[in-house]
Structures are given as structure tokens and as C-alpha cells.
């Protein structure tokens, strides 16, 4: 959020295990609509290929959010 305040487009990425905590933190910082892109949990025991597949699955959403073509986050809709 600090980078966004400086004009740098950002997209937080987390595993779905941390969805509630990430949303609570964003709300506590005054940005309740600043939602992350979530991937399946866990990731620490995944191979590089499996992690690449998870990244590929959310890549389009990340690009849309970074370029502004997404329009709004899931929480703002």
C-alpha cells in the first residue's frame, strides 16, 4: 500500500490460507477494498513447476490489476 501511495501500481499475492488476515490488515490500514490475488495453499512443499502453474493461473488477473483494466478489486465490486 505504501508503494501505491507513491504512484507505483502493486498487487499483493498470498495463499488462500491468509485471505482473512490479508483483508483484515487492509481494512485496518484504511483500505478495505485493497484485496490480494490468492493462490492455493500451501506452496512451500511445491516443486518449481507446480508453483509456476499456480502463478500462470493468476497471471492475467495480476496484469489486469497492474494495468488498471480490471476496474476494481473483488471487495469493491
Protein backbone atom coordinates (compact mmCIF):
# COMPACT_ATOMS: atom_id res chain seq x y z
CA UNK A 1 0.00 0.00 0.00
CA UNK A 2 2.90 2.33 0.66
CA UNK A 3 4.14 1.90 -2.90
CA UNK A 4 0.68 2.62 -4.28
CA UNK A 5 0.67 5.81 -2.26
CA UNK A 6 3.82 6.76 -4.17
CA UNK A 7 2.14 6.05 -7.51
CA UNK A 8 3.57 2.55 -8.05
CA UNK A 9 0.97 0.00 -9.12
CA UNK A 10 1.03 -3.05 -6.86
CA UNK A 11 -0.82 -6.31 -6.44
CA UNK A 12 -0.47 -8.24 -3.21
CA UNK A 13 -0.28 -12.00 -3.70
CA UNK A 14 -0.96 -14.51 -0.95
CA UNK A 15 -2.16 -18.04 -0.47
CA UNK A 16 -5.84 -18.55 0.26
CA UNK A 17 -4.94 -19.58 3.81
CA UNK A 18 -4.15 -15.92 4.52
CA UNK A 19 -7.22 -14.37 2.85
CA UNK A 20 -8.96 -13.37 6.08
CA UNK A 21 -5.78 -11.96 7.60
CA UNK A 22 -4.86 -10.04 4.43
CA UNK A 23 -8.32 -8.49 4.19
CA UNK A 24 -8.31 -7.59 7.88
CA UNK A 25 -4.89 -5.94 7.54
CA UNK A 26 -6.01 -3.93 4.51
CA UNK A 27 -9.11 -2.77 6.38
CA UNK A 28 -7.06 -1.86 9.45
CA UNK A 29 -4.85 0.27 7.22
CA UNK A 30 -7.87 2.09 5.82
CA UNK A 31 -8.02 0.24 2.50
CA UNK A 32 -10.79 -2.38 2.86
CA UNK A 33 -11.07 -2.77 -0.93
CA UNK A 34 -7.35 -3.47 -1.41
CA UNK A 35 -7.60 -7.22 -1.90
CA UNK A 36 -4.85 -9.64 -2.83
CA UNK A 37 -4.73 -12.20 -5.59
CA UNK A 38 -4.87 -15.60 -3.93
CA UNK A 39 -3.27 -18.89 -4.92
CA UNK A 40 -3.77 -22.34 -3.42
CA UNK A 41 -2.11 -23.11 -0.11
CA UNK A 42 0.44 -24.42 0.72
CA UNK A 43 3.31 -23.51 -1.55
CA UNK A 44 6.40 -24.39 0.48
CA UNK A 45 6.27 -28.07 -0.50
CA UNK A 46 5.59 -27.46 -4.19
CA UNK A 47 8.03 -28.01 -7.00
CA UNK A 48 9.14 -25.09 -9.14
CA UNK A 49 6.87 -26.40 -11.90
CA UNK A 50 3.85 -26.53 -9.58
CA UNK A 51 4.49 -23.00 -8.34
CA UNK A 52 4.89 -21.81 -11.93
CA UNK A 53 1.50 -23.35 -12.75
CA UNK A 54 -0.11 -21.51 -9.83
CA UNK A 55 1.47 -18.26 -10.96
CA UNK A 56 0.31 -18.84 -14.52
CA UNK A 57 -3.24 -19.36 -13.24
CA UNK A 58 -3.38 -15.85 -11.75
CA UNK A 59 -1.09 -14.00 -14.16
CA UNK A 60 -3.90 -12.47 -16.21
CA UNK A 61 -5.61 -11.10 -13.08
CA UNK A 62 -2.33 -9.61 -11.86
CA UNK A 63 -1.69 -7.92 -15.20
CA UNK A 64 -5.26 -6.59 -15.31
CA UNK A 65 -4.90 -5.07 -11.86
CA UNK A 66 -1.49 -3.57 -12.62
CA UNK A 67 -2.67 -2.01 -15.85
CA UNK A 68 -5.99 -0.84 -14.48
CA UNK A 69 -8.11 -2.83 -16.91
CA UNK A 70 -9.56 -4.85 -14.02
CA UNK A 71 -11.67 -1.90 -12.91
CA UNK A 72 -11.98 -2.83 -9.24
CA UNK A 73 -10.91 -5.43 -6.75
CA UNK A 74 -13.18 -8.26 -5.67
CA UNK A 75 -14.03 -6.45 -2.45
CA UNK A 76 -15.03 -3.24 -4.23
CA UNK A 77 -17.50 -4.93 -6.59
